[in-house]
């Protein structure tokens, strides 16, 4: 059933979406985007993931060779090591350390016809800054319109510059199918640890192709929405997607709003 909010229009259709084999076109790279990405990156203050002390009986145990930075000895592992090597030394000691969890983040970038001009510059600059920020994490990037293209598969080594350049060369086109990229993100995250898996949707959320995206949002471990409000947008659908996806909604009007919005989305 169509709905309208914030100047946007939600329309449900039977367009299922398809993955495009090649997303780039003969689009001239916008010289304004790189400075914007740098400004966003300089202002980013995204909290790091939780650091868990993994103990016996409460999940996986992180046991590592002693490197001088921990005072909690793993007695069992150390005794096993000493049994094989009777002459003790630092290299034979094993300890439990706090370990940094690696995040799995899939960025869904709206490159549909409604995201032309300033909006696509903001989206591309945001992805450029985020992929650099997540350099030690698993990052996937999906560009979408009525269909979608996987710009960066989750789990593969990523080069922020290459992702940034690829996005800049994708022409803004077609209608907006929000449901399909959510389905793609779910497949990308199938093997990820749910506690550290999340999806970030960058869009105006003017969904006008494809089925209702709310059920797909509910199937994700977490979905956050960075909503471009600089023109036509659907605030009601954006709120619903964040609610169904157990995430947060952050509206942005220009690229200057992006860094504080992202800090709010990734706050504990």
Protein backbone atom coordinates (compact mmCIF):
# COMPACT_ATOMS: atom_id res chain seq x y z
CA UNK A 1 0.00 0.00 0.00
CA UNK A 2 1.60 3.32 -1.02
CA UNK A 3 2.43 5.80 1.71
CA UNK A 4 3.86 9.30 1.81
CA UNK A 5 6.04 11.06 4.37
CA UNK A 6 8.60 13.84 4.25
CA UNK A 7 7.97 14.50 0.58
CA UNK A 8 8.76 10.90 -0.39
CA UNK A 9 6.58 8.14 -1.75
CA UNK A 10 6.68 4.46 -0.87
CA UNK A 11 5.47 2.10 -3.57
CA UNK A 12 5.56 -1.68 -3.41
CA UNK A 13 6.00 -3.57 -6.69
CA UNK A 14 6.94 -7.09 -7.75
CA UNK A 15 10.41 -6.04 -8.97
CA UNK A 16 12.75 -8.51 -7.27
CA UNK A 17 16.04 -6.83 -8.16
CA UNK A 18 19.10 -8.32 -9.82
CA UNK A 19 22.84 -8.14 -9.26
CA UNK A 20 24.62 -6.24 -12.02
CA UNK A 21 27.88 -7.71 -13.25
CA UNK A 22 29.54 -4.37 -13.90
CA UNK A 23 28.58 -1.15 -12.16
CA UNK A 24 30.96 1.43 -13.56
CA UNK A 25 30.24 3.71 -16.47
CA UNK A 26 31.86 6.55 -18.37
CA UNK A 27 31.20 9.05 -15.59
CA UNK A 28 33.74 11.79 -14.98
CA UNK A 29 35.02 11.77 -11.40
CA UNK A 30 33.62 14.72 -9.46
CA UNK A 31 36.57 16.77 -8.09
CA UNK A 32 34.46 18.02 -5.15
CA UNK A 33 34.03 14.61 -3.59
CA UNK A 34 37.58 13.83 -2.45
CA UNK A 35 37.93 17.02 -0.33
CA UNK A 36 34.55 16.24 1.24
CA UNK A 37 35.63 12.70 2.07
CA UNK A 38 38.77 14.06 3.74
CA UNK A 39 36.73 16.54 5.79
CA UNK A 40 34.35 13.82 6.92
CA UNK A 41 37.25 11.48 7.79
CA UNK A 42 38.99 14.19 9.81
CA UNK A 43 35.88 14.72 11.93
CA UNK A 44 34.95 11.06 12.41
CA UNK A 45 34.96 9.88 16.00
CA UNK A 46 33.50 6.40 15.72
CA UNK A 47 33.95 4.31 18.87
CA UNK A 48 36.00 1.18 18.47
CA UNK A 49 34.33 -2.22 18.95
CA UNK A 50 33.94 -3.72 22.39
CA UNK A 51 36.99 -5.41 23.83
CA UNK A 52 35.99 -8.70 25.40
CA UNK A 53 37.86 -10.63 28.04
CA UNK A 54 37.05 -14.17 26.98
CA UNK A 55 37.19 -16.51 29.94
CA UNK A 56 36.76 -20.24 30.37
CA UNK A 57 33.07 -21.12 30.53
CA UNK A 58 31.85 -17.95 28.81
CA UNK A 59 32.50 -18.63 25.16
CA UNK A 60 35.67 -18.91 23.15
CA UNK A 61 38.99 -18.53 25.01
CA UNK A 62 41.55 -16.20 23.45
CA UNK A 63 44.90 -17.76 24.38
CA UNK A 64 48.06 -16.19 22.95
CA UNK A 65 51.82 -16.49 23.56
CA UNK A 66 53.12 -14.12 26.23
CA UNK A 67 54.35 -10.83 24.73
CA UNK A 68 54.88 -8.86 27.91
CA UNK A 69 51.48 -7.16 27.86
CA UNK A 70 49.28 -9.39 30.00
CA UNK A 71 49.36 -10.62 33.58
CA UNK A 72 46.68 -13.36 33.37
CA UNK A 73 48.42 -16.66 32.84
CA UNK A 74 46.63 -19.45 30.98
CA UNK A 75 47.80 -22.24 33.26
CA UNK A 76 46.61 -25.19 31.16
CA UNK A 77 48.15 -23.97 27.92
CA UNK A 78 51.39 -23.05 29.68
CA UNK A 79 51.67 -26.46 31.39
CA UNK A 80 51.10 -28.20 28.07
CA UNK A 81 53.86 -26.09 26.54
CA UNK A 82 56.27 -26.76 29.43
CA UNK A 83 55.61 -30.49 29.22
CA UNK A 84 56.88 -30.43 25.65
CA UNK A 85 59.72 -27.97 26.37
CA UNK A 86 61.10 -28.51 29.93
CA UNK A 87 63.43 -25.48 29.77
CA UNK A 88 61.11 -22.52 30.49
CA UNK A 89 61.20 -19.21 28.69
CA UNK A 90 58.85 -16.37 27.81
CA UNK A 91 58.04 -17.96 24.48
CA UNK A 92 56.58 -20.97 26.30
CA UNK A 93 54.15 -18.98 28.44
CA UNK A 94 50.53 -18.50 27.33
CA UNK A 95 48.18 -15.83 28.61
CA UNK A 96 44.60 -14.63 28.19
CA UNK A 97 44.40 -11.16 26.73
CA UNK A 98 41.67 -8.73 25.91
CA UNK A 99 41.03 -9.10 22.21
CA UNK A 100 39.57 -6.59 19.81
CA UNK A 101 36.59 -7.90 17.93
CA UNK A 102 36.61 -7.33 14.19
CA UNK A 103 33.47 -5.67 12.89
CA UNK A 104 31.60 -6.84 9.80
CA UNK A 105 29.99 -3.80 8.21
CA UNK A 106 28.05 -3.70 4.94
CA UNK A 107 27.49 -0.24 3.46
CA UNK A 108 24.49 0.10 1.16
CA UNK A 109 24.80 3.17 -1.06
CA UNK A 110 21.82 4.56 -2.95
CA UNK A 111 22.87 5.56 -6.49
CA UNK A 112 19.35 5.76 -7.92
CA UNK A 113 18.15 8.69 -9.99
CA UNK A 114 16.89 10.59 -6.95
CA UNK A 115 20.43 10.67 -5.48
CA UNK A 116 22.00 12.86 -8.17
CA UNK A 117 24.19 15.91 -7.63
CA UNK A 118 24.86 16.94 -4.04
CA UNK A 119 23.36 13.76 -2.68
CA UNK A 120 25.61 11.37 -4.55
CA UNK A 121 28.62 13.50 -3.59
CA UNK A 122 27.67 13.19 0.06
CA UNK A 123 27.11 9.42 -0.23
CA UNK A 124 30.41 8.81 -2.03
CA UNK A 125 32.34 11.00 0.41
CA UNK A 126 30.76 9.15 3.32
CA UNK A 127 31.77 5.76 1.95
CA UNK A 128 35.29 7.02 1.26
CA UNK A 129 35.67 8.16 4.86
CA UNK A 130 34.07 5.04 6.36
CA UNK A 131 36.10 2.51 4.39
CA UNK A 132 39.26 4.24 5.57
CA UNK A 133 37.96 4.24 9.17
CA UNK A 134 37.16 0.52 8.96
CA UNK A 135 40.54 -0.43 7.49
CA UNK A 136 41.04 -3.15 10.14
CA UNK A 137 37.52 -4.55 9.81
CA UNK A 138 35.59 -6.59 7.27
CA UNK A 139 33.77 -4.18 4.98
CA UNK A 140 31.33 -4.79 2.17
CA UNK A 141 29.93 -2.11 -0.14
CA UNK A 142 26.79 -2.48 -2.26
CA UNK A 143 25.59 0.21 -4.66
CA UNK A 144 21.90 0.02 -5.48
CA UNK A 145 19.14 1.52 -7.61
CA UNK A 146 16.26 -0.67 -8.86
CA UNK A 147 18.96 -3.39 -8.97
CA UNK A 148 22.33 -3.52 -7.22
CA UNK A 149 26.05 -4.13 -7.67
CA UNK A 150 28.52 -5.48 -5.11
CA UNK A 151 31.36 -2.97 -5.20
CA UNK A 152 33.31 -4.64 -2.37
CA UNK A 153 32.50 -8.20 -1.22
CA UNK A 154 32.53 -8.60 2.55
CA UNK A 155 35.57 -10.44 3.88
CA UNK A 156 37.97 -9.66 1.05
CA UNK A 157 40.87 -7.21 1.52
CA UNK A 158 39.61 -3.74 0.71
CA UNK A 159 41.37 -0.68 -0.65
CA UNK A 160 39.43 2.49 0.28
CA UNK A 161 40.78 4.35 -2.74
CA UNK A 162 39.57 1.72 -5.18
CA UNK A 163 36.10 1.53 -3.59
CA UNK A 164 35.86 5.31 -3.62
CA UNK A 165 36.88 5.54 -7.27
CA UNK A 166 34.46 2.80 -8.32
CA UNK A 167 31.53 4.50 -6.60
CA UNK A 168 32.33 7.82 -8.25
CA UNK A 169 32.12 6.18 -11.68
CA UNK A 170 28.68 4.63 -11.16
CA UNK A 171 26.04 6.71 -12.94
CA UNK A 172 22.98 7.71 -10.90
CA UNK A 173 20.12 5.85 -12.52
CA UNK A 174 16.70 4.25 -12.26
CA UNK A 175 14.20 3.81 -9.47
CA UNK A 176 14.96 2.97 -5.84
CA UNK A 177 14.56 -0.60 -4.59
CA UNK A 178 15.52 -0.61 -0.90
CA UNK A 179 14.47 -4.22 -0.31
CA UNK A 180 16.95 -5.85 -2.68
CA UNK A 181 20.19 -4.44 -1.20
CA UNK A 182 18.97 -5.50 2.26
CA UNK A 183 18.68 -9.03 0.90
CA UNK A 184 22.18 -8.79 -0.59
CA UNK A 185 23.53 -7.57 2.76
CA UNK A 186 21.91 -10.50 4.55
CA UNK A 187 23.72 -12.93 2.25
CA UNK A 188 27.01 -11.07 2.70
CA UNK A 189 26.70 -11.33 6.49
CA UNK A 190 25.66 -14.99 6.57
CA UNK A 191 29.01 -16.11 8.05
CA UNK A 192 29.68 -13.04 10.21
CA UNK A 193 29.52 -12.97 14.01
CA UNK A 194 26.07 -11.44 14.73
CA UNK A 195 27.20 -9.31 17.67
CA UNK A 196 29.64 -7.40 15.47
CA UNK A 197 27.66 -7.46 12.22
CA UNK A 198 25.71 -4.44 11.01
CA UNK A 199 24.40 -2.75 7.91
CA UNK A 200 24.44 0.98 7.18
CA UNK A 201 21.98 2.24 4.57
CA UNK A 202 22.81 5.60 2.90
CA UNK A 203 19.68 6.75 1.09
CA UNK A 204 16.73 9.12 0.82
CA UNK A 205 14.55 6.00 1.37
CA UNK A 206 12.19 6.96 -1.46
CA UNK A 207 11.35 3.33 -2.18
CA UNK A 208 9.48 3.09 -5.50
CA UNK A 209 10.46 -0.33 -6.85
CA UNK A 210 10.35 -3.75 -5.27
CA UNK A 211 8.52 -5.29 -2.30
CA UNK A 212 8.09 -3.85 1.18
CA UNK A 213 11.65 -3.63 2.63
CA UNK A 214 10.58 -3.83 6.28
CA UNK A 215 10.61 -7.66 6.50
CA UNK A 216 14.12 -7.70 5.02
CA UNK A 217 15.26 -5.12 7.57
CA UNK A 218 13.99 -7.37 10.36
CA UNK A 219 16.17 -10.26 9.14
CA UNK A 220 19.42 -8.32 9.56
CA UNK A 221 21.46 -8.39 12.79
CA UNK A 222 21.33 -4.59 12.85
CA UNK A 223 20.38 -1.90 10.36
CA UNK A 224 21.22 1.79 10.77
CA UNK A 225 19.91 4.48 8.44
CA UNK A 226 21.79 7.58 7.29
CA UNK A 227 18.89 9.48 5.74
CA UNK A 228 19.58 12.24 3.22
CA UNK A 229 16.98 14.95 3.92
CA UNK A 230 18.33 17.55 1.50
CA UNK A 231 15.43 16.92 -0.90
CA UNK A 232 12.65 14.42 -1.39
CA UNK A 233 12.86 11.70 1.24
CA UNK A 234 10.66 9.24 3.12
CA UNK A 235 11.19 9.76 6.84
CA UNK A 236 8.43 7.35 7.83
CA UNK A 237 9.97 4.43 5.96
CA UNK A 238 13.43 5.34 7.29
CA UNK A 239 12.12 5.25 10.87
CA UNK A 240 10.42 1.92 10.27
CA UNK A 241 13.55 0.39 8.75
CA UNK A 242 15.68 1.45 11.71
CA UNK A 243 13.06 0.10 14.14
CA UNK A 244 12.63 -3.22 12.34
CA UNK A 245 16.42 -3.51 12.01
CA UNK A 246 17.04 -2.75 15.72
CA UNK A 247 19.23 0.18 14.73
CA UNK A 248 19.22 3.96 14.70
CA UNK A 249 18.22 6.70 12.31
CA UNK A 250 20.39 9.74 11.66
CA UNK A 251 19.20 12.44 9.22
CA UNK A 252 21.77 14.49 7.32
CA UNK A 253 21.17 17.60 5.23
CA UNK A 254 24.71 18.08 3.91
CA UNK A 255 28.08 16.38 4.07
CA UNK A 256 28.93 18.55 7.12
CA UNK A 257 26.32 16.61 9.11
CA UNK A 258 27.77 13.20 8.26
CA UNK A 259 30.56 12.84 10.82
CA UNK A 260 28.43 13.64 13.92
CA UNK A 261 25.60 11.51 12.52
CA UNK A 262 27.91 8.52 12.10
CA UNK A 263 29.30 9.00 15.61
CA UNK A 264 25.73 8.85 16.91
CA UNK A 265 24.92 5.72 14.91
CA UNK A 266 28.00 3.86 16.14
CA UNK A 267 27.81 5.06 19.74
CA UNK A 268 27.53 2.23 22.31
